[in-house]
């Protein structure tokens, strides 16, 4: 079984800048800079046959390359308790279009539709039972954060394994987005061992 998700790999300089935000809050599990990405679709645990179906569906996806810019810091909360801190993404119809295409591909591969609306972000930290009020100063001091724009020319299929120091991500396949010229189909490569 593989635990899968589809995401966008961030450039090294953007991950480095995001890594600089990961300090100053006690009791916070910060995401390692090398693991920072934009999740397009979480898939979950799948067997080898389903993995091949996912790869085939994503390989047939066509969407154009685009530029992306990160802006602002926020959090996901439930009952006034913070679950995660994230870096936001400036409004991007192209990112939303790609997420919709990925969602359609995953459903074609036999998975149930995602119940939540897509909200592009980069997770910086995961928290448990932390009151929203305790991170207000952090959010305010980093509210002007921005990075990019940077070019998004591909997306990837990842495997996630939980290690003793947090999740370990492995890129299983990379899928190229089409250049700006019309009728330029994307290509893909997959390096999963059989």
C-alpha atoms as a PDB file:
ATOM      1  CA  UNK A   1       0.000   0.000   0.000  1.00  0.00           C
ATOM      2  CA  UNK A   2       1.114   3.523  -0.794  1.00  0.00           C
ATOM      3  CA  UNK A   3      -0.219   6.730   0.814  1.00  0.00           C
ATOM      4  CA  UNK A   4      -0.492   9.151  -2.100  1.00  0.00           C
ATOM      5  CA  UNK A   5      -1.045  12.812  -2.821  1.00  0.00           C
ATOM      6  CA  UNK A   6      -0.636  15.065  -5.851  1.00  0.00           C
ATOM      7  CA  UNK A   7       1.240  18.327  -5.437  1.00  0.00           C
ATOM      8  CA  UNK A   8       3.416  21.089  -6.824  1.00  0.00           C
ATOM      9  CA  UNK A   9       7.094  21.126  -5.885  1.00  0.00           C
ATOM     10  CA  UNK A  10       8.244  24.592  -4.824  1.00  0.00           C
ATOM     11  CA  UNK A  11      11.545  26.098  -6.000  1.00  0.00           C
ATOM     12  CA  UNK A  12      14.417  25.764  -3.512  1.00  0.00           C
ATOM     13  CA  UNK A  13      14.657  29.516  -2.889  1.00  0.00           C
ATOM     14  CA  UNK A  14      10.919  29.729  -2.076  1.00  0.00           C
ATOM     15  CA  UNK A  15      11.189  26.758   0.323  1.00  0.00           C
ATOM     16  CA  UNK A  16      14.159  28.456   1.983  1.00  0.00           C
ATOM     17  CA  UNK A  17      12.160  31.656   2.510  1.00  0.00           C
ATOM     18  CA  UNK A  18       9.243  29.661   3.908  1.00  0.00           C
ATOM     19  CA  UNK A  19      11.614  27.788   6.199  1.00  0.00           C
ATOM     20  CA  UNK A  20      12.599  31.139   7.676  1.00  0.00           C
ATOM     21  CA  UNK A  21       9.028  31.520   8.960  1.00  0.00           C
ATOM     22  CA  UNK A  22       9.185  28.268  10.918  1.00  0.00           C
ATOM     23  CA  UNK A  23      10.162  29.499  14.372  1.00  0.00           C
ATOM     24  CA  UNK A  24       8.807  31.395  17.324  1.00  0.00           C
ATOM     25  CA  UNK A  25       5.859  29.274  18.458  1.00  0.00           C
ATOM     26  CA  UNK A  26       6.218  26.745  21.267  1.00  0.00           C
ATOM     27  CA  UNK A  27       4.552  23.356  20.845  1.00  0.00           C
ATOM     28  CA  UNK A  28       4.473  23.606  17.062  1.00  0.00           C
ATOM     29  CA  UNK A  29       5.409  20.820  14.640  1.00  0.00           C
ATOM     30  CA  UNK A  30       7.039  22.760  11.806  1.00  0.00           C
ATOM     31  CA  UNK A  31       7.149  21.255   8.333  1.00  0.00           C
ATOM     32  CA  UNK A  32      10.716  20.668   7.091  1.00  0.00           C
ATOM     33  CA  UNK A  33      11.512  23.074   4.242  1.00  0.00           C
ATOM     34  CA  UNK A  34      12.318  20.201   1.855  1.00  0.00           C
ATOM     35  CA  UNK A  35       8.763  18.848   2.393  1.00  0.00           C
ATOM     36  CA  UNK A  36       6.938  22.103   1.622  1.00  0.00           C
ATOM     37  CA  UNK A  37       4.643  21.913  -1.407  1.00  0.00           C
ATOM     38  CA  UNK A  38       1.197  22.888  -2.681  1.00  0.00           C
ATOM     39  CA  UNK A  39      -1.184  19.933  -2.347  1.00  0.00           C
ATOM     40  CA  UNK A  40      -3.508  19.601  -5.325  1.00  0.00           C
ATOM     41  CA  UNK A  41      -5.266  16.436  -4.114  1.00  0.00           C
ATOM     42  CA  UNK A  42      -4.791  14.055  -1.194  1.00  0.00           C
ATOM     43  CA  UNK A  43      -5.599  10.512  -2.340  1.00  0.00           C
ATOM     44  CA  UNK A  44      -4.827   8.252   0.638  1.00  0.00           C
ATOM     45  CA  UNK A  45      -3.748   4.618   0.877  1.00  0.00           C
ATOM     46  CA  UNK A  46      -3.856   2.704  -2.413  1.00  0.00           C
ATOM     47  CA  UNK A  47      -2.636  -0.654  -3.689  1.00  0.00           C
ATOM     48  CA  UNK A  48      -0.370  -1.187  -6.710  1.00  0.00           C
ATOM     49  CA  UNK A  49      -3.247  -1.536  -9.200  1.00  0.00           C
ATOM     50  CA  UNK A  50      -4.827   1.711  -8.027  1.00  0.00           C
ATOM     51  CA  UNK A  51      -1.403   3.404  -8.145  1.00  0.00           C
ATOM     52  CA  UNK A  52      -1.076   2.426 -11.814  1.00  0.00           C
ATOM     53  CA  UNK A  53      -4.611   3.739 -12.487  1.00  0.00           C
ATOM     54  CA  UNK A  54      -3.775   7.067 -10.813  1.00  0.00           C
ATOM     55  CA  UNK A  55      -0.576   7.392 -12.835  1.00  0.00           C
ATOM     56  CA  UNK A  56      -2.410   6.630 -16.096  1.00  0.00           C
ATOM     57  CA  UNK A  57      -5.117   9.195 -15.330  1.00  0.00           C
ATOM     58  CA  UNK A  58      -2.621  11.910 -14.376  1.00  0.00           C
ATOM     59  CA  UNK A  59      -0.468  11.142 -17.440  1.00  0.00           C
ATOM     60  CA  UNK A  60      -3.371  12.007 -19.732  1.00  0.00           C
ATOM     61  CA  UNK A  61      -4.027  15.355 -18.035  1.00  0.00           C
ATOM     62  CA  UNK A  62      -3.316  18.457 -20.122  1.00  0.00           C
ATOM     63  CA  UNK A  63      -3.070  21.932 -18.611  1.00  0.00           C
ATOM     64  CA  UNK A  64      -0.885  24.972 -19.285  1.00  0.00           C
ATOM     65  CA  UNK A  65       2.129  26.067 -17.241  1.00  0.00           C
ATOM     66  CA  UNK A  66       1.582  29.216 -15.171  1.00  0.00           C
ATOM     67  CA  UNK A  67       3.139  31.570 -12.625  1.00  0.00           C
ATOM     68  CA  UNK A  68       2.323  31.427  -8.921  1.00  0.00           C
ATOM     69  CA  UNK A  69       2.931  33.888  -6.087  1.00  0.00           C
ATOM     70  CA  UNK A  70       2.697  33.220  -2.357  1.00  0.00           C
ATOM     71  CA  UNK A  71       1.169  35.931  -0.198  1.00  0.00           C
ATOM     72  CA  UNK A  72       0.172  36.133   3.459  1.00  0.00           C
ATOM     73  CA  UNK A  73       0.023  33.750   6.393  1.00  0.00           C
ATOM     74  CA  UNK A  74      -3.085  32.193   7.918  1.00  0.00           C
ATOM     75  CA  UNK A  75      -4.396  29.185   9.786  1.00  0.00           C
ATOM     76  CA  UNK A  76      -6.987  26.441   9.651  1.00  0.00           C
ATOM     77  CA  UNK A  77      -9.006  26.305  12.829  1.00  0.00           C
ATOM     78  CA  UNK A  78     -11.833  24.357  14.363  1.00  0.00           C
ATOM     79  CA  UNK A  79     -13.699  25.442  17.516  1.00  0.00           C
ATOM     80  CA  UNK A  80     -11.198  28.278  18.036  1.00  0.00           C
ATOM     81  CA  UNK A  81      -8.315  25.770  18.034  1.00  0.00           C
ATOM     82  CA  UNK A  82      -5.598  25.900  15.395  1.00  0.00           C
ATOM     83  CA  UNK A  83      -4.940  22.774  13.312  1.00  0.00           C
ATOM     84  CA  UNK A  84      -2.383  24.198  10.869  1.00  0.00           C
ATOM     85  CA  UNK A  85      -0.534  27.359   9.906  1.00  0.00           C
ATOM     86  CA  UNK A  86      -0.108  28.028   6.187  1.00  0.00           C
ATOM     87  CA  UNK A  87       1.325  30.425   3.637  1.00  0.00           C
ATOM     88  CA  UNK A  88      -1.349  31.632   1.250  1.00  0.00           C
ATOM     89  CA  UNK A  89      -1.372  31.821  -2.524  1.00  0.00           C
ATOM     90  CA  UNK A  90      -2.464  34.863  -4.497  1.00  0.00           C
ATOM     91  CA  UNK A  91      -5.675  34.308  -6.445  1.00  0.00           C
ATOM     92  CA  UNK A  92      -4.784  32.058  -9.362  1.00  0.00           C
ATOM     93  CA  UNK A  93      -7.395  30.841 -11.857  1.00  0.00           C
ATOM     94  CA  UNK A  94      -4.641  28.698 -13.440  1.00  0.00           C
ATOM     95  CA  UNK A  95      -3.941  26.897 -10.144  1.00  0.00           C
ATOM     96  CA  UNK A  96      -7.664  26.305  -9.610  1.00  0.00           C
ATOM     97  CA  UNK A  97      -7.944  24.991 -13.195  1.00  0.00           C
ATOM     98  CA  UNK A  98      -5.087  22.539 -12.593  1.00  0.00           C
ATOM     99  CA  UNK A  99      -6.635  21.391  -9.292  1.00  0.00           C
ATOM    100  CA  UNK A 100      -9.961  20.770 -11.076  1.00  0.00           C
ATOM    101  CA  UNK A 101      -8.183  18.747 -13.784  1.00  0.00           C
ATOM    102  CA  UNK A 102      -6.345  16.690 -11.139  1.00  0.00           C
ATOM    103  CA  UNK A 103      -9.617  16.098  -9.271  1.00  0.00           C
ATOM    104  CA  UNK A 104     -11.295  14.875 -12.479  1.00  0.00           C
ATOM    105  CA  UNK A 105      -8.354  12.559 -13.201  1.00  0.00           C
ATOM    106  CA  UNK A 106      -8.455  11.043  -9.705  1.00  0.00           C
ATOM    107  CA  UNK A 107     -12.212  10.465  -9.956  1.00  0.00           C
ATOM    108  CA  UNK A 108     -11.688   8.837 -13.394  1.00  0.00           C
ATOM    109  CA  UNK A 109      -9.160   6.543 -11.708  1.00  0.00           C
ATOM    110  CA  UNK A 110     -11.973   5.241  -9.493  1.00  0.00           C
ATOM    111  CA  UNK A 111     -11.758   7.386  -6.346  1.00  0.00           C
ATOM    112  CA  UNK A 112     -14.619   9.228  -4.659  1.00  0.00           C
ATOM    113  CA  UNK A 113     -14.773  12.988  -5.277  1.00  0.00           C
ATOM    114  CA  UNK A 114     -13.064  15.244  -2.740  1.00  0.00           C
ATOM    115  CA  UNK A 115     -15.682  16.598  -0.351  1.00  0.00           C
ATOM    116  CA  UNK A 116     -13.894  19.864   0.423  1.00  0.00           C
ATOM    117  CA  UNK A 117     -13.395  22.845  -1.855  1.00  0.00           C
ATOM    118  CA  UNK A 118      -9.796  23.307  -3.025  1.00  0.00           C
ATOM    119  CA  UNK A 119      -7.865  26.020  -1.148  1.00  0.00           C
ATOM    120  CA  UNK A 120      -4.318  26.424  -2.393  1.00  0.00           C
ATOM    121  CA  UNK A 121      -1.766  26.872   0.390  1.00  0.00           C
ATOM    122  CA  UNK A 122       1.588  25.675   1.709  1.00  0.00           C
ATOM    123  CA  UNK A 123       1.412  24.057   5.156  1.00  0.00           C
ATOM    124  CA  UNK A 124       4.071  25.478   7.472  1.00  0.00           C
ATOM    125  CA  UNK A 125       3.093  23.828  10.764  1.00  0.00           C
ATOM    126  CA  UNK A 126       0.669  21.400  12.350  1.00  0.00           C
ATOM    127  CA  UNK A 127      -0.701  22.049  15.804  1.00  0.00           C
ATOM    128  CA  UNK A 128      -2.866  20.220  18.325  1.00  0.00           C
ATOM    129  CA  UNK A 129      -5.314  21.926  20.633  1.00  0.00           C
ATOM    130  CA  UNK A 130      -3.674  25.368  20.415  1.00  0.00           C
ATOM    131  CA  UNK A 131      -6.027  28.321  20.997  1.00  0.00           C
ATOM    132  CA  UNK A 132      -6.224  30.745  18.071  1.00  0.00           C
ATOM    133  CA  UNK A 133      -5.408  33.649  20.390  1.00  0.00           C
ATOM    134  CA  UNK A 134      -1.934  32.255  21.131  1.00  0.00           C
ATOM    135  CA  UNK A 135      -0.780  32.547  17.510  1.00  0.00           C
ATOM    136  CA  UNK A 136      -2.251  35.984  16.764  1.00  0.00           C
ATOM    137  CA  UNK A 137       1.084  37.738  17.213  1.00  0.00           C
ATOM    138  CA  UNK A 138       2.840  35.291  14.921  1.00  0.00           C
ATOM    139  CA  UNK A 139       0.232  35.693  12.177  1.00  0.00           C
ATOM    140  CA  UNK A 140       0.327  39.473  12.468  1.00  0.00           C
ATOM    141  CA  UNK A 141       4.132  39.707  12.379  1.00  0.00           C
ATOM    142  CA  UNK A 142       4.294  37.608   9.183  1.00  0.00           C
ATOM    143  CA  UNK A 143       1.149  38.914   7.449  1.00  0.00           C
ATOM    144  CA  UNK A 144       3.142  40.770   4.783  1.00  0.00           C
ATOM    145  CA  UNK A 145       5.009  37.641   3.670  1.00  0.00           C
ATOM    146  CA  UNK A 146       5.253  37.231  -0.114  1.00  0.00           C
ATOM    147  CA  UNK A 147       7.376  35.105  -2.449  1.00  0.00           C
ATOM    148  CA  UNK A 148       7.476  34.821  -6.219  1.00  0.00           C
ATOM    149  CA  UNK A 149       6.133  34.868  -8.750  1.00  0.00           C
ATOM    150  CA  UNK A 150       7.705  31.583  -9.820  1.00  0.00           C
ATOM    151  CA  UNK A 151       6.956  29.343 -12.766  1.00  0.00           C
ATOM    152  CA  UNK A 152       4.933  26.140 -12.308  1.00  0.00           C
ATOM    153  CA  UNK A 153       5.888  23.865 -15.195  1.00  0.00           C
ATOM    154  CA  UNK A 154       4.950  20.491 -13.678  1.00  0.00           C
ATOM    155  CA  UNK A 155       3.191  18.723 -10.844  1.00  0.00           C
ATOM    156  CA  UNK A 156       3.976  15.423  -9.156  1.00  0.00           C
ATOM    157  CA  UNK A 157       2.579  12.268  -7.579  1.00  0.00           C
ATOM    158  CA  UNK A 158       4.026  11.666  -4.115  1.00  0.00           C
ATOM    159  CA  UNK A 159       4.147   8.809  -1.662  1.00  0.00           C
ATOM    160  CA  UNK A 160       4.084   9.715   2.034  1.00  0.00           C
ATOM    161  CA  UNK A 161       5.464   7.525   4.832  1.00  0.00           C
ATOM    162  CA  UNK A 162       5.415   8.469   8.485  1.00  0.00           C
ATOM    163  CA  UNK A 163       8.923   8.393   9.950  1.00  0.00           C
ATOM    164  CA  UNK A 164      10.051   8.999  13.518  1.00  0.00           C
ATOM    165  CA  UNK A 165      10.840  12.654  12.687  1.00  0.00           C
ATOM    166  CA  UNK A 166       7.663  13.265  10.677  1.00  0.00           C
ATOM    167  CA  UNK A 167       6.492  12.375   7.178  1.00  0.00           C
ATOM    168  CA  UNK A 168       8.952  11.372   4.457  1.00  0.00           C
ATOM    169  CA  UNK A 169       7.848  12.219   0.917  1.00  0.00           C
ATOM    170  CA  UNK A 170       9.012  10.423  -2.207  1.00  0.00           C
ATOM    171  CA  UNK A 171       8.268  11.785  -5.658  1.00  0.00           C
ATOM    172  CA  UNK A 172       6.942   8.832  -7.673  1.00  0.00           C
ATOM    173  CA  UNK A 173       6.145  10.599 -10.934  1.00  0.00           C
ATOM    174  CA  UNK A 174       6.447  14.030 -12.502  1.00  0.00           C
ATOM    175  CA  UNK A 175       3.939  15.420 -15.026  1.00  0.00           C
ATOM    176  CA  UNK A 176       4.898  18.290 -17.304  1.00  0.00           C
ATOM    177  CA  UNK A 177       2.456  21.095 -17.960  1.00  0.00           C
ATOM    178  CA  UNK A 178       2.098  22.398 -21.493  1.00  0.00           C
ATOM    179  CA  UNK A 179       4.154  25.374 -22.589  1.00  0.00           C
ATOM    180  CA  UNK A 180       2.197  28.482 -23.510  1.00  0.00           C
ATOM    181  CA  UNK A 181       1.889  27.441 -27.173  1.00  0.00           C
ATOM    182  CA  UNK A 182      -1.425  25.668 -27.912  1.00  0.00           C
ATOM    183  CA  UNK A 183      -1.511  21.971 -28.844  1.00  0.00           C
ATOM    184  CA  UNK A 184       1.679  21.228 -26.884  1.00  0.00           C
ATOM    185  CA  UNK A 185       0.835  18.138 -24.871  1.00  0.00           C
ATOM    186  CA  UNK A 186       2.513  17.547 -21.527  1.00  0.00           C
ATOM    187  CA  UNK A 187       4.683  14.522 -20.905  1.00  0.00           C
ATOM    188  CA  UNK A 188       5.151  12.421 -17.834  1.00  0.00           C
ATOM    189  CA  UNK A 189       7.650  10.083 -16.289  1.00  0.00           C
ATOM    190  CA  UNK A 190       7.221   7.542 -13.536  1.00  0.00           C
ATOM    191  CA  UNK A 191       9.974   5.932 -11.536  1.00  0.00           C
ATOM    192  CA  UNK A 192       8.034   3.533  -9.302  1.00  0.00           C
ATOM    193  CA  UNK A 193       9.864   0.268  -8.796  1.00  0.00           C
ATOM    194  CA  UNK A 194       7.875  -2.798  -9.751  1.00  0.00           C
END
